[in-house]
Protein backbone atom coordinates (compact mmCIF):
# COMPACT_ATOMS: atom_id res chain seq x y z
CA MET A 1 35.85 185.07 148.80
CA LYS A 2 35.61 181.58 150.29
CA LYS A 3 32.73 180.71 152.60
CA LEU A 4 33.29 182.17 156.05
CA TYR A 5 32.67 180.13 159.21
CA ILE A 6 32.83 181.39 162.80
CA ASP A 7 33.73 179.18 165.75
CA ALA A 8 31.34 179.85 168.65
CA SER A 9 33.03 177.47 171.10
CA LEU A 10 34.26 180.17 173.50
CA PRO A 11 30.91 181.85 174.29
CA PHE A 12 29.31 178.39 174.55
CA ARG A 13 31.94 177.23 177.04
CA TRP A 14 31.93 180.55 178.90
CA GLY A 15 28.19 180.31 179.41
CA PRO A 16 25.69 182.94 180.61
CA HIS A 17 27.83 185.00 182.93
CA PRO A 18 29.34 188.40 182.08
CA PRO A 19 32.33 187.98 179.75
CA VAL A 20 35.62 189.69 180.58
CA GLY A 21 38.87 190.19 178.68
CA ILE A 22 39.38 187.72 175.84
CA PRO A 23 35.87 186.20 176.15
CA ARG A 24 34.34 189.69 175.86
CA VAL A 25 36.23 190.35 172.63
CA GLU A 26 35.46 187.00 171.05
CA THR A 27 31.83 187.12 172.19
CA ALA A 28 31.54 190.51 170.47
CA LEU A 29 32.94 188.95 167.30
CA VAL A 30 30.33 186.17 167.37
CA ARG A 31 27.53 188.63 168.15
CA GLN A 32 28.39 190.81 165.18
CA ALA A 33 28.79 187.80 162.91
CA LEU A 34 25.24 186.76 163.84
CA ARG A 35 24.03 190.28 162.97
CA TRP A 36 26.04 190.45 159.74
CA ASN A 37 23.91 190.65 156.60
CA SER A 38 26.49 191.47 153.95
CA SER A 39 27.38 187.83 153.22
CA PRO A 40 26.33 184.41 154.57
CA ILE A 41 28.29 183.15 157.57
CA GLY A 42 28.20 179.66 159.07
CA PHE A 43 28.62 178.85 162.77
CA PHE A 44 30.21 175.80 164.34
CA VAL A 45 31.82 174.48 167.50
CA VAL A 46 34.87 172.27 168.00
CA ASP A 47 34.60 169.10 170.09
CA ALA A 48 37.20 167.43 172.30
CA GLN A 49 38.51 165.45 169.31
CA GLY A 50 39.22 168.62 167.35
CA ARG A 51 36.33 168.10 164.94
CA GLY A 52 34.06 170.91 163.82
CA ARG A 53 30.30 170.55 164.07
CA MET A 54 27.80 172.95 162.52
CA LEU A 55 25.20 174.33 164.89
CA GLY A 56 21.57 173.30 164.58
CA GLU A 57 18.71 175.78 164.55
CA ALA A 58 17.94 175.36 168.27
CA GLU A 59 21.61 175.90 169.14
CA LEU A 60 21.77 179.00 166.93
CA ARG A 61 18.69 180.45 168.66
CA TYR A 62 20.29 179.79 172.04
CA LEU A 63 23.59 181.30 170.87
CA ARG A 64 21.85 184.49 169.78
CA ARG A 65 20.19 184.88 173.17
CA LEU A 66 23.47 184.05 174.91
CA VAL A 67 25.65 186.64 173.16
CA GLU A 68 22.90 189.28 173.28
CA GLY A 69 22.72 188.92 177.08
CA GLN A 70 19.09 187.77 177.02
CA LEU A 71 19.55 184.70 179.24
CA PRO A 72 19.52 184.56 183.06
CA GLN A 73 23.10 185.23 184.13
CA VAL A 74 25.21 183.84 186.94
CA ALA A 75 26.08 187.16 188.56
CA CYS A 76 25.50 188.87 191.88
CA GLU A 77 22.33 190.77 191.06
CA GLU A 78 20.80 190.34 194.51
CA ASP A 79 21.26 188.66 197.86
CA SER A 80 19.66 185.25 198.03
CA PRO A 81 20.09 182.02 200.05
CA TYR A 82 22.68 179.40 199.14
CA LEU A 83 20.13 176.86 197.85
CA ALA A 84 18.40 179.50 195.72
CA ARG A 85 21.70 180.38 194.07
CA LEU A 86 22.54 176.73 193.49
CA TRP A 87 19.10 176.12 191.97
CA LYS A 88 19.56 179.08 189.64
CA VAL A 89 22.88 177.69 188.39
CA LEU A 90 21.47 174.19 187.87
CA SER A 91 18.46 175.63 186.02
CA VAL A 92 20.76 177.61 183.71
CA MET A 93 22.76 174.44 183.00
CA ARG A 94 19.60 172.36 182.47
CA ASP A 95 18.21 174.73 179.84
CA ALA A 96 21.42 174.90 177.78
CA PRO A 97 21.70 172.65 174.71
CA PHE A 98 25.35 171.86 175.50
CA ASP A 99 27.83 171.62 178.37
CA PHE A 100 29.54 174.77 179.61
CA GLY A 101 33.29 174.81 180.17
CA ARG A 102 35.31 174.54 183.36
CA GLU A 103 35.53 178.31 183.82
CA PHE A 104 31.74 178.43 184.08
CA ASP A 105 31.98 175.80 186.84
CA ARG A 106 34.41 177.96 188.79
CA VAL A 107 32.48 181.22 188.30
CA ALA A 108 29.20 179.51 189.16
CA ALA A 109 30.79 178.07 192.31
CA VAL A 110 31.90 181.58 193.30
CA PHE A 111 28.36 182.82 192.73
CA VAL A 112 26.83 180.01 194.79
CA SER A 113 29.36 180.01 197.64
CA GLY A 114 30.29 183.69 197.79
CA SER A 115 34.00 182.70 197.90
CA GLU A 116 35.46 185.33 195.55
CA LYS A 117 39.03 184.05 195.86
CA ARG A 118 37.93 180.56 194.73
CA ARG A 119 39.07 178.95 197.95
CA GLY A 120 37.54 177.15 200.89
CA LEU A 121 35.35 174.13 201.54
CA LYS A 122 32.11 175.82 200.51
CA PHE A 123 33.55 176.80 197.13
CA HIS A 124 34.90 173.31 196.39
CA LEU A 125 31.69 171.60 197.45
CA SER A 126 29.69 173.94 195.21
CA LYS A 127 32.00 173.30 192.27
CA THR A 128 31.75 169.54 192.81
CA ALA A 129 27.94 169.67 192.86
CA ILE A 130 27.93 171.69 189.62
CA ARG A 131 30.28 169.25 187.88
CA VAL A 132 28.34 166.19 189.03
CA PHE A 133 25.18 167.76 187.56
CA LYS A 134 27.05 168.46 184.33
CA ILE A 135 28.24 164.85 184.05
CA ALA A 136 24.73 163.53 184.69
CA LYS A 137 23.22 165.85 182.09
CA SER A 138 25.89 164.90 179.54
CA CYS A 139 25.18 161.19 180.02
CA LEU A 140 21.44 161.69 179.49
CA ARG A 141 21.73 163.93 176.42
CA PRO A 142 20.84 162.15 173.14
CA LYS A 143 23.64 161.93 170.62
CA GLY A 144 23.38 164.61 167.93
CA ALA A 145 23.25 163.92 164.23
CA GLU A 146 26.42 164.10 162.17
CA THR A 147 26.91 167.47 160.49
CA LYS A 148 29.37 169.03 158.10
CA ASP A 149 32.83 169.75 159.50
CA PRO A 150 33.92 173.14 158.07
CA LEU A 151 37.48 172.54 159.30
CA LYS A 152 37.85 169.88 156.60
CA ASP A 153 36.48 172.10 153.82
CA GLU A 154 39.35 173.31 151.65
CA ASN A 155 37.05 175.99 150.22
CA ALA A 156 36.33 177.55 153.61
CA MET A 157 37.91 180.20 155.82
CA CYS A 158 37.31 179.45 159.49
CA PHE A 159 37.79 181.60 162.56
CA LEU A 160 39.10 179.46 165.42
CA SER A 161 38.45 180.73 168.94
CA SER A 162 41.19 180.71 171.58
CA ALA A 163 39.32 177.86 173.32
CA SER A 164 39.44 175.69 170.20
CA VAL A 165 43.07 176.54 169.46
CA HIS A 166 43.88 175.31 172.97
CA GLU A 167 41.86 172.12 172.44
CA ILE A 168 43.42 171.28 169.09
CA ALA A 169 46.99 172.23 170.00
CA ALA A 170 46.90 170.40 173.34
CA ARG A 171 45.77 167.16 171.71
CA LYS A 172 47.87 167.60 168.55
CA LEU A 173 44.80 167.26 166.34
CA THR A 174 46.04 169.33 163.41
CA GLY A 175 45.24 166.53 160.96
CA ASN A 176 41.56 167.46 161.25
CA VAL A 177 42.16 170.90 159.72
CA GLY A 178 42.10 171.39 155.95
CA CYS A 179 40.49 174.85 155.60
CA GLY A 180 42.05 178.28 155.79
CA ILE A 181 42.40 179.38 159.43
CA PHE A 182 42.42 182.78 161.06
CA THR A 183 42.69 183.48 164.78
CA ILE A 184 42.90 186.47 167.11
CA MET A 185 46.21 187.18 168.84
CA HIS A 186 45.42 189.00 172.06
CA ASP A 187 49.00 189.21 173.37
CA LEU A 188 52.30 187.36 173.78
CA ILE A 189 52.64 188.16 177.48
CA PRO A 190 53.29 184.59 178.73
CA ILE A 191 56.15 184.34 176.21
CA ASP A 192 57.63 187.82 176.69
CA PHE A 193 56.97 188.09 180.44
CA PRO A 194 56.62 184.56 181.89
CA GLN A 195 57.15 185.90 185.41
CA PHE A 196 53.60 187.26 185.31
CA VAL A 197 51.87 183.90 184.77
CA GLY A 198 51.95 180.43 186.26
CA PRO A 199 54.38 177.91 184.71
CA HIS A 200 51.58 175.60 183.55
CA HIS A 201 49.78 178.43 181.77
CA ALA A 202 53.03 179.62 180.18
CA ARG A 203 53.78 176.15 178.76
CA GLY A 204 50.29 175.84 177.33
CA PHE A 205 50.46 179.32 175.83
CA VAL A 206 53.79 178.58 174.12
CA ARG A 207 52.32 175.42 172.62
CA ASN A 208 49.14 177.16 171.47
CA THR A 209 51.06 180.06 169.92
CA ALA A 210 53.35 177.66 168.05
CA TRP A 211 50.26 175.94 166.64
CA GLN A 212 48.79 179.28 165.52
CA LEU A 213 52.00 180.32 163.79
CA GLU A 214 52.26 176.98 162.01
CA ASN A 215 48.64 176.57 160.93
CA SER A 216 47.00 180.00 160.67
CA HIS A 217 46.90 181.92 157.42
CA LEU A 218 45.91 185.15 159.12
CA LEU A 219 46.66 186.36 162.66
CA VAL A 220 44.42 189.27 163.65
CA CYS A 221 46.11 191.22 166.44
CA VAL A 222 44.23 193.47 168.84
CA SER A 223 46.84 196.26 168.80
CA LYS A 224 49.81 197.50 166.79
CA TYR A 225 52.01 196.67 169.77
CA THR A 226 50.83 193.05 169.76
CA ALA A 227 51.19 192.86 165.97
CA ASP A 228 54.81 194.00 166.21
CA ARG A 229 55.54 191.41 168.87
CA VAL A 230 53.83 188.67 166.85
CA ARG A 231 55.79 189.52 163.70
CA CYS A 232 59.08 189.49 165.58
CA HIS A 233 58.27 186.23 167.36
CA ALA A 234 57.05 184.55 164.16
CA SER A 235 60.16 185.60 162.24
CA ALA A 236 62.43 184.35 165.01
CA SER A 237 60.53 181.07 165.49
CA ASN A 238 60.18 179.99 161.87
CA PRO A 239 61.22 182.52 159.22
CA ASP A 240 60.12 180.11 156.49
CA ARG A 241 56.52 180.15 157.64
CA VAL A 242 55.28 183.60 158.69
CA PRO A 243 51.49 184.01 158.52
CA GLU A 244 49.78 187.21 157.44
CA VAL A 245 49.55 189.60 160.43
CA ALA A 246 46.90 192.33 160.61
CA VAL A 247 45.44 194.65 163.25
CA ALA A 248 41.80 195.04 164.28
CA SER A 249 41.54 197.00 167.51
CA PRO A 250 38.54 195.82 169.52
CA GLY A 251 37.50 198.99 171.29
CA ALA A 252 35.65 198.25 174.54
CA PHE A 253 32.03 197.12 173.80
CA LEU A 254 30.63 197.25 177.36
CA LYS A 255 28.78 200.57 177.01
CA GLU A 256 27.46 199.62 173.58
CA GLY A 257 26.20 196.29 174.91
CA VAL A 258 24.50 197.84 177.92
CA ALA A 259 22.91 200.51 175.69
CA ASP A 260 21.58 197.75 173.43
CA ARG A 261 19.74 196.45 176.47
CA ARG A 262 18.24 199.92 177.11
CA ARG A 263 20.08 200.85 180.26
CA GLY A 264 20.48 204.47 181.21
CA SER A 265 23.76 206.34 180.77
CA ARG A 266 23.26 209.12 183.34
CA ARG A 267 25.86 209.47 186.04
CA GLN A 268 24.37 208.82 189.47
CA GLY A 269 26.89 210.72 191.59
CA GLN A 270 25.65 209.21 194.85
CA GLY A 271 27.53 207.95 197.91
CA ARG A 272 31.17 208.27 198.82
CA LYS A 273 33.59 209.22 196.06
CA PHE A 274 35.66 206.37 194.64
CA VAL A 275 38.43 205.64 192.14
CA LEU A 276 38.03 202.58 189.95
CA TYR A 277 40.48 199.96 188.71
CA CYS A 278 38.71 197.31 186.65
CA SER A 279 40.88 194.29 185.84
CA THR A 280 41.62 190.75 186.91
CA ILE A 281 43.34 190.77 190.30
CA GLU A 282 46.73 189.26 189.52
CA ILE A 283 50.40 190.18 189.69
CA ARG A 284 50.70 191.61 186.16
CA LYS A 285 47.99 194.20 186.81
CA ASN A 286 50.18 195.88 189.46
CA HIS A 287 47.50 196.45 192.11
CA ILE A 288 50.25 196.54 194.73
CA LEU A 289 51.46 199.90 193.39
CA LEU A 290 48.05 201.45 194.04
CA LEU A 291 47.98 200.09 197.59
CA LYS A 292 51.34 201.75 198.21
CA VAL A 293 50.00 205.01 196.75
CA TRP A 294 46.87 204.95 198.92
CA ARG A 295 48.94 204.16 202.03
CA ARG A 296 51.13 207.20 201.39
CA LEU A 297 48.28 209.58 200.51
CA LEU A 298 45.92 208.60 203.31
CA PRO A 299 47.61 210.70 206.05
CA LEU A 300 48.13 213.58 203.59
CA LEU A 301 44.66 213.83 202.03
CA GLY A 302 42.46 212.32 204.72
CA ASP A 303 38.80 212.54 203.70
CA ARG A 304 39.73 213.97 200.30
CA LEU A 305 41.18 210.59 199.30
CA PRO A 306 38.43 208.59 197.56
CA THR A 307 37.85 204.90 198.18
CA LEU A 308 39.89 202.69 195.87
CA VAL A 309 37.65 200.08 194.22
CA PHE A 310 39.27 197.00 192.69
CA CYS A 311 36.68 195.48 190.37
CA GLY A 312 37.53 192.12 188.84
CA ARG A 313 37.92 188.42 189.35
CA TRP A 314 40.70 186.99 191.46
CA GLY A 315 43.33 185.49 189.20
CA TRP A 316 46.73 184.20 190.25
CA MET A 317 49.87 185.25 192.10
CA TYR A 318 48.12 187.83 194.28
CA ASP A 319 49.64 186.75 197.61
CA GLU A 320 51.74 189.92 197.90
CA LEU A 321 48.60 192.03 197.60
CA VAL A 322 46.82 190.06 200.34
CA ALA A 323 49.89 190.26 202.58
CA PHE A 324 50.13 194.03 202.06
CA MET A 325 46.49 194.48 203.05
CA ASP A 326 47.04 192.36 206.17
CA ALA A 327 50.12 194.41 207.10
CA ASN A 328 48.27 197.71 206.64
CA PRO A 329 44.85 197.29 208.27
CA GLU A 330 44.17 201.03 208.04
CA LEU A 331 43.56 200.50 204.29
CA ARG A 332 40.56 198.24 204.82
CA GLU A 333 38.19 201.19 205.12
CA HIS A 334 39.62 202.77 201.97
CA VAL A 335 39.98 199.81 199.58
CA GLU A 336 37.10 197.68 198.30
CA PHE A 337 37.13 194.49 196.25
CA ARG A 338 34.19 193.83 193.91
CA SER A 339 33.78 190.61 191.91
CA ASN A 340 31.20 188.71 189.92
CA LEU A 341 29.29 191.81 188.79
CA SER A 342 26.77 192.01 185.99
CA ASP A 343 27.48 194.27 183.00
CA ARG A 344 24.87 196.70 184.35
CA GLN A 345 26.63 196.92 187.71
CA LEU A 346 30.01 197.39 186.06
CA ALA A 347 28.63 200.15 183.83
CA GLU A 348 27.30 201.94 186.91
CA LEU A 349 30.77 201.89 188.45
CA TYR A 350 32.26 203.48 185.33
CA ARG A 351 29.56 206.15 185.32
CA ASP A 352 29.87 207.01 189.02
CA ALA A 353 33.66 206.92 189.56
CA GLU A 354 35.62 210.15 190.01
CA PHE A 355 38.40 208.82 187.81
CA SER A 356 40.10 205.54 187.05
CA VAL A 357 43.61 204.12 187.31
CA TYR A 358 45.29 201.47 185.17
CA PRO A 359 48.91 200.80 186.27
CA SER A 360 49.24 197.40 184.57
CA ALA A 361 52.82 196.33 183.86
CA VAL A 362 52.08 195.11 180.33
CA GLU A 363 48.96 194.64 178.18
CA GLY A 364 47.98 193.25 174.80
CA TRP A 365 45.28 195.89 174.38
CA GLY A 366 43.91 197.33 177.62
CA LEU A 367 40.18 196.68 177.54
CA GLY A 368 39.52 198.30 180.91
CA ALA A 369 41.26 201.51 179.90
CA ALA A 370 39.24 201.72 176.68
CA GLU A 371 36.06 201.08 178.67
CA CYS A 372 36.85 204.13 180.81
CA LEU A 373 36.98 206.43 177.81
CA ASP A 374 33.80 204.92 176.40
CA PHE A 375 32.05 206.15 179.56
CA GLY A 376 33.84 209.52 179.49
CA LEU A 377 35.86 208.60 182.58
CA PRO A 378 39.43 209.97 182.88
CA VAL A 379 42.00 207.26 183.53
CA LEU A 380 45.63 207.45 184.62
CA ILE A 381 47.52 204.76 182.72
CA SER A 382 50.92 203.12 182.90
CA ASP A 383 53.47 203.43 180.12
CA ALA A 384 52.61 200.00 178.67
CA PRO A 385 52.54 200.79 174.90
CA SER A 386 49.17 199.19 174.19
CA LEU A 387 47.46 201.28 176.87
CA THR A 388 48.42 204.42 174.98
CA GLU A 389 46.87 202.82 171.89
CA ALA A 390 43.70 201.87 173.71
CA THR A 391 43.27 205.43 175.06
CA GLN A 392 44.35 207.02 171.75
CA GLY A 393 47.16 209.01 173.39
CA LEU A 394 44.68 211.17 175.31
CA MET A 395 45.28 210.23 178.95
CA PRO A 396 48.10 210.96 181.44
CA THR A 397 50.80 208.28 181.24
CA LEU A 398 53.04 207.28 184.16
CA PRO A 399 55.88 204.76 184.59
CA ALA A 400 54.44 201.48 185.85
CA ARG A 401 57.00 201.23 188.69
CA ASP A 402 57.21 204.86 189.80
CA VAL A 403 55.29 205.13 193.07
CA GLU A 404 56.21 208.81 193.50
CA ALA A 405 54.83 209.73 190.07
CA TRP A 406 51.59 207.88 190.77
CA CYS A 407 51.27 209.56 194.17
CA ALA A 408 51.60 212.98 192.54
CA ALA A 409 49.12 212.21 189.75
CA VAL A 410 46.51 210.65 192.05
CA ALA A 411 46.83 213.53 194.51
CA LYS A 412 46.30 216.03 191.69
CA ALA A 413 43.26 214.15 190.43
CA CYS A 414 41.82 214.10 193.95
CA THR A 415 42.37 217.80 194.66
CA ASP A 416 42.15 219.52 191.27
CA PRO A 417 38.61 219.25 189.83
CA ASP A 418 39.54 221.56 186.95
CA TRP A 419 42.14 219.05 185.76
CA LEU A 420 39.62 216.23 185.81
CA ALA A 421 37.15 218.45 183.96
CA GLU A 422 39.78 219.12 181.28
CA LEU A 423 40.41 215.39 180.89
CA ARG A 424 36.67 214.73 180.55
CA GLU A 425 36.45 217.43 177.92
CA THR A 426 39.37 215.90 176.06
CA ILE A 427 37.56 212.57 175.97
CA ALA A 428 34.31 214.20 174.84
CA SER A 429 35.93 216.15 172.02
CA ARG A 430 38.73 213.87 170.78
CA TYR A 431 38.07 210.25 171.72
CA ARG A 432 36.76 208.09 168.87
CA PRO A 433 35.06 204.90 170.10
CA ILE A 434 35.53 201.71 168.10
CA ARG A 435 32.15 200.07 167.60
CA GLU A 436 31.61 196.33 167.55
CA ARG A 437 30.44 196.34 163.95
CA ASP A 438 33.54 198.28 162.86
CA PHE A 439 35.76 195.77 164.67
CA PHE A 440 34.07 192.86 162.91
CA ALA A 441 34.07 194.66 159.55
CA ALA A 442 37.83 195.20 159.89
CA ILE A 443 38.31 191.47 160.48
CA VAL A 444 36.14 190.59 157.46
CA GLY A 445 38.18 193.05 155.42
CA HIS A 446 41.44 191.36 156.40
CA VAL A 447 40.01 187.93 155.58
CA THR A 448 38.73 189.19 152.21
CA ALA A 449 42.13 190.68 151.46
CA LEU A 450 43.63 187.21 151.49
CA GLY A 451 41.84 186.81 148.16
CA SER A 452 39.56 184.19 146.76
CA GLY A 453 42.56 181.92 146.39
CA ALA A 454 43.41 181.86 150.08
CA PRO A 455 46.15 179.30 150.64
CA GLY A 456 45.47 175.82 151.93
CA ARG A 457 47.55 173.93 154.45
CA GLU A 458 50.81 174.54 152.60
CA ALA A 459 53.23 177.01 154.14
CA ARG A 460 53.00 180.62 153.00
CA ARG A 461 55.96 182.43 151.57
CA PRO A 462 58.00 184.11 154.29
CA GLN A 463 57.38 187.81 154.79
CA ARG A 464 59.86 190.49 155.61
CA PRO A 465 59.56 191.81 159.16
CA ALA A 466 57.77 195.12 159.44
CA PRO A 467 59.99 198.22 159.05
CA GLY A 468 61.86 198.77 162.28
CA ALA A 469 61.09 195.28 163.54
CA SER A 470 64.72 194.58 164.40
CA SER A 471 64.91 197.69 166.53
CA ARG A 472 61.58 196.88 168.15
CA ARG A 473 62.90 193.40 168.92
CA GLY A 474 65.81 194.98 170.75
CA GLU A 475 63.51 197.40 172.57
CA ALA A 476 61.22 194.54 173.61
CA ALA A 477 64.19 192.52 174.88
CA ALA A 478 65.39 195.49 176.91
CA GLU A 479 61.88 196.02 178.26
CA ARG A 480 61.62 192.39 179.33
CA ALA A 481 64.99 192.54 181.02
CA ALA A 482 64.00 195.67 182.92
CA PHE A 483 60.80 194.10 184.18
CA ARG A 484 62.62 190.98 185.32
CA ARG A 485 65.14 193.04 187.28
CA ALA A 486 62.40 195.03 188.96
CA GLU A 487 60.27 193.88 191.86
CA LEU A 488 56.56 194.40 191.77
């Protein structure tokens, strides 16, 4: 097997605040690579010119502490004055041996200002102060010594993070790459369902995906559903150059990470009962359906209807949700929004919730649904195929657009404790968690399977689509058409 190198750019740019979604998966990959003892692994980052740079010893020590959650984090652990929060952020930035990315700036500004929706004068002033400090620190930092660029090593296999793929594809810097490349494909949602993302993000995603298909030798997909979509898209885009496609399901990782830091796992069971939906607050996640369900059930169930807790960062295209809340003020006492939580706080929500809901319209994997089962929490899921994968076919599945079906299922969960007990028992007896090490071992296995003679930059021989791919392509097209005809 060729020498394996792992790109740590994403956790470095994300910085010391709790990772979510794609950053959580790729941070887990880096963490397990650092713990891996079976074979030597090198670590590098990619700069703005698309060049790889090996990490020095001090950077590696910082990276270990970062991915193990051992650094002070920018998260709402306690109430503190504005200046104290700002000082904490600037101290975190000062102690880092590199510059964090723009998402850190935004999350840190939310932490400092308390503006969860990333709006308002206080938020923008905080973000400006953080970026001015970053620029000043960057100007004062001494220039690092030249190091080996693993991307130019023809005898290397390099994992490229989603952050670096974006950097290289956006600047058309492919000429810097001479090694074998593998990447993680989390989904094709902006291509298959562009109505769920902003136009700018969709254009960038199309460009990045085209780069991955053209330059990667292995695409590791997070679910069978995503792998099927990637194979179909690759075959349709360029049948003469179809990379190897494999699956390594990422599990959830939150509970395992919190346990590593010696947190308790006992359910508290205190306070008012609540139902949890943990996801980014954006149009694709279908929060509006749950608001409609709670509005209908409130006069029917009264005090038996638990509080609905939306836990996640505010994303994009959520105006309909805000308008619905404004038009139905009676929901304000029954719906809570929680953002910028630490992993410990999020774990406590999973442990204390009565049950969870996950009505997302479409997913690449469904990290939040898998997290529920990791904590033994029953979850009602939509009929998005990957959610069934993530919950191993164990949880009740409902059509993503069927308000009546969701009303019936939520009402049953609220009034039938025996049903919830049966679902908890199903999880306890049949659910099989996917551990971080197993996820990373699966990826290493796929890379090893390419063989010691892994191809260089030349195009691979085209592959036949997976059995049934043509029918799946038709099913996916029909699914997309149905979603576009429907209103959220």
